Amino acid sequence: MTQRVELATVMDRLAVDALVTDYAVAVDDGDWEAYRRLFASDGRADYRSAGGVEGDAHKVAAWLSESLRLFSMRQHLIVNRRVRFETLDQDTGDTARVQADYINPMRLADDATSTAPDFVCGGRYTFSLLRTDDGWRLREVVVQEKWRHLPDPRPTPVIN
C-alpha cells in the first residue's frame, strides 16, 4: 500500500467514525432534520428488534420523534466500532460496513425526582455506508437490541 492510499484510508475511517457519532448525537438531541441528512437517498433503518419500525429515513425519524418523547434525557454511546471498507462497481472503498455495540441510558420524562437514568438498553448496530458526492452517507442502519433494564415498579403508598 502506498502512503497516499494509506492516508486516504485513514481519512475515510475518520469520516465514517464522524458519521456514526453524528447519528448518535442527532438521535440524542432529537434533531430529526440532521438525522435525515445522514442518510443516502435510498437509506433505510430497521428498529424492529427494539420494538420499532423499519423504513426509509423519513418514516423512521417520524417514529423516533414520537416514541422518544417519553424520555427527557438520552445519551447514546456507540462503542467497539469495527469498520470494513468494501467495493462497489470495481472501485475499492465506495462502501463501508460498521458493526458497533451501543448502550443507551435514558430518563423517563414523567419522573422529576431524579436525574439518573431509569431505562437502559444495549445491543449492536450494523451500519452500511455509501460514498456519495456529498461524502459518506448511511445506506442502512440495523438495530439489534440485546437487553434492556426497565425501571423498578414504584411502591404503592400504604394508607392507614
Protein backbone atom coordinates (compact mmCIF):
# COMPACT_ATOMS: atom_id res chain seq x y z
CA MET A 1 0.00 0.00 0.00
CA THR A 2 1.31 3.44 -0.84
CA GLN A 3 1.34 6.31 1.60
CA ARG A 4 -1.33 8.06 -0.49
CA VAL A 5 -3.67 5.04 -0.25
CA GLU A 6 -2.97 4.69 3.47
CA LEU A 7 -3.74 8.38 4.05
CA ALA A 8 -6.98 8.09 2.05
CA THR A 9 -7.99 5.06 4.15
CA VAL A 10 -7.30 6.94 7.38
CA MET A 11 -9.33 9.91 6.13
CA ASP A 12 -12.21 7.61 5.20
CA ARG A 13 -12.10 5.94 8.62
CA LEU A 14 -12.28 9.34 10.31
CA ALA A 15 -15.20 10.40 8.11
CA VAL A 16 -17.08 7.14 8.77
CA ASP A 17 -16.45 7.47 12.51
CA ALA A 18 -17.75 11.05 12.44
CA LEU A 19 -20.91 9.92 10.63
CA VAL A 20 -21.64 7.28 13.30
CA THR A 21 -21.07 9.89 16.02
CA ASP A 22 -23.34 12.36 14.20
CA TYR A 23 -26.00 9.65 14.11
CA ALA A 24 -25.87 9.18 17.91
CA VAL A 25 -25.91 12.93 18.56
CA ALA A 26 -28.86 13.52 16.21
CA VAL A 27 -30.91 10.82 17.98
CA ASP A 28 -29.97 12.02 21.47
CA ASP A 29 -30.67 15.67 20.65
CA GLY A 30 -33.88 14.89 18.76
CA ASP A 31 -32.55 16.68 15.67
CA TRP A 32 -34.60 14.79 13.11
CA GLU A 33 -33.63 17.00 10.19
CA ALA A 34 -29.95 16.26 10.89
CA TYR A 35 -30.86 12.57 11.26
CA ARG A 36 -32.48 12.52 7.79
CA ARG A 37 -29.48 14.28 6.21
CA LEU A 38 -27.16 11.48 7.39
CA PHE A 39 -28.83 9.00 5.02
CA ALA A 40 -28.31 8.37 1.32
CA SER A 41 -31.38 8.99 -0.83
CA ASP A 42 -32.34 5.29 -0.61
CA GLY A 43 -31.28 4.97 3.05
CA ARG A 44 -33.29 2.83 5.45
CA ALA A 45 -33.27 1.92 9.12
CA ASP A 46 -34.62 -1.10 10.98
CA TYR A 47 -35.51 -0.74 14.67
CA ARG A 48 -37.86 -3.74 14.83
CA SER A 49 -35.73 -5.68 17.34
CA ALA A 50 -36.21 -2.76 19.76
CA GLY A 51 -39.98 -2.68 19.24
CA GLY A 52 -39.81 -0.09 16.49
CA VAL A 53 -40.32 0.23 12.76
CA GLU A 54 -38.41 -0.38 9.56
CA GLY A 55 -38.46 2.04 6.65
CA ASP A 56 -36.86 4.99 4.94
CA ALA A 57 -35.15 7.70 6.97
CA HIS A 58 -38.25 9.94 6.95
CA LYS A 59 -40.55 7.23 8.29
CA VAL A 60 -38.07 6.15 10.96
CA ALA A 61 -37.32 9.76 12.01
CA ALA A 62 -41.05 10.36 12.50
CA TRP A 63 -41.34 7.20 14.62
CA LEU A 64 -38.25 8.10 16.70
CA SER A 65 -39.53 11.64 17.22
CA GLU A 66 -42.80 10.35 18.63
CA SER A 67 -41.52 7.40 20.67
CA LEU A 68 -38.56 9.21 22.24
CA ARG A 69 -40.79 11.94 23.67
CA LEU A 70 -41.18 9.58 26.63
CA PHE A 71 -37.60 10.38 27.64
CA SER A 72 -36.36 13.74 28.90
CA MET A 73 -32.73 12.60 28.68
CA ARG A 74 -30.99 10.30 26.20
CA GLN A 75 -27.32 9.52 26.00
CA HIS A 76 -26.45 7.09 23.28
CA LEU A 77 -22.96 5.61 23.47
CA ILE A 78 -21.70 3.73 20.41
CA VAL A 79 -18.50 1.77 21.10
CA ASN A 80 -16.30 -1.07 19.81
CA ARG A 81 -16.62 0.14 16.22
CA ARG A 82 -15.38 -2.28 13.57
CA VAL A 83 -15.03 -0.61 10.18
CA ARG A 84 -14.67 -2.59 6.94
CA PHE A 85 -14.38 -0.98 3.53
CA GLU A 86 -15.88 -2.83 0.59
CA THR A 87 -16.17 -2.44 -3.16
CA LEU A 88 -18.89 -1.16 -5.45
CA ASP A 89 -18.58 -1.18 -9.23
CA GLN A 90 -14.93 -2.31 -9.01
CA ASP A 91 -13.82 0.78 -7.06
CA THR A 92 -12.24 -0.03 -3.72
CA GLY A 93 -13.66 1.89 -0.81
CA ASP A 94 -17.03 3.05 -2.17
CA THR A 95 -18.90 1.29 0.62
CA ALA A 96 -18.27 0.54 4.25
CA ARG A 97 -19.80 -1.55 7.00
CA VAL A 98 -19.57 -0.69 10.65
CA GLN A 99 -20.52 -3.06 13.41
CA ALA A 100 -20.68 -1.37 16.80
CA ASP A 101 -22.10 -2.03 20.24
CA TYR A 102 -24.31 0.50 21.98
CA ILE A 103 -25.58 1.30 25.42
CA ASN A 104 -28.38 3.81 25.75
CA PRO A 105 -29.31 5.17 29.19
CA MET A 106 -32.46 7.30 29.23
CA ARG A 107 -34.54 9.19 31.80
CA LEU A 108 -38.33 8.96 31.69
CA ALA A 109 -39.89 12.39 31.19
CA ASP A 110 -42.60 11.89 33.81
CA ASP A 111 -40.14 11.40 36.69
CA ALA A 112 -38.75 14.68 38.02
CA THR A 113 -37.42 13.10 41.23
CA SER A 114 -34.02 12.12 39.84
CA THR A 115 -31.56 12.87 37.07
CA ALA A 116 -30.22 9.32 36.90
CA PRO A 117 -31.30 7.08 34.03
CA ASP A 118 -34.12 4.69 34.81
CA PHE A 119 -34.32 2.93 31.44
CA VAL A 120 -31.20 1.43 29.84
CA CYS A 121 -30.88 -0.75 26.76
CA GLY A 122 -27.98 -2.16 24.83
CA GLY A 123 -27.18 -4.10 21.72
CA ARG A 124 -25.41 -3.88 18.41
CA TYR A 125 -25.71 -1.66 15.36
CA THR A 126 -24.84 -2.61 11.82
CA PHE A 127 -24.31 0.44 9.63
CA SER A 128 -23.95 0.15 5.86
CA LEU A 129 -22.46 3.28 4.32
CA LEU A 130 -22.07 4.61 0.81
CA ARG A 131 -19.65 7.21 -0.51
CA THR A 132 -21.68 9.88 -2.30
CA ASP A 133 -20.89 13.22 -3.92
CA ASP A 134 -21.82 14.75 -0.53
CA GLY A 135 -19.50 12.44 1.42
CA TRP A 136 -20.27 9.28 3.35
CA ARG A 137 -23.96 8.60 3.97
CA LEU A 138 -25.92 5.86 5.70
CA ARG A 139 -27.50 3.36 3.37
CA GLU A 140 -28.82 1.09 6.11
CA VAL A 141 -28.93 1.04 9.90
CA VAL A 142 -30.00 -2.15 11.67
CA VAL A 143 -30.50 -2.18 15.42
CA GLN A 144 -30.19 -5.49 17.24
CA GLU A 145 -31.31 -4.81 20.80
CA LYS A 146 -29.88 -7.49 23.09
CA TRP A 147 -31.08 -6.35 26.50
CA ARG A 148 -32.96 -3.69 28.41
CA HIS A 149 -33.39 -2.69 32.03
CA LEU A 150 -36.72 -1.14 32.89
CA PRO A 151 -37.46 0.99 35.93
CA ASP A 152 -38.43 -0.81 39.11
CA PRO A 153 -42.15 -0.57 39.76
CA ARG A 154 -42.91 2.25 42.14
CA PRO A 155 -44.15 1.07 45.53
CA THR A 156 -47.81 1.60 46.26
CA PRO A 157 -48.24 4.02 49.16
CA VAL A 158 -49.57 2.46 52.34
CA ILE A 159 -52.74 4.15 53.57
CA ASN A 160 -53.57 3.71 57.25
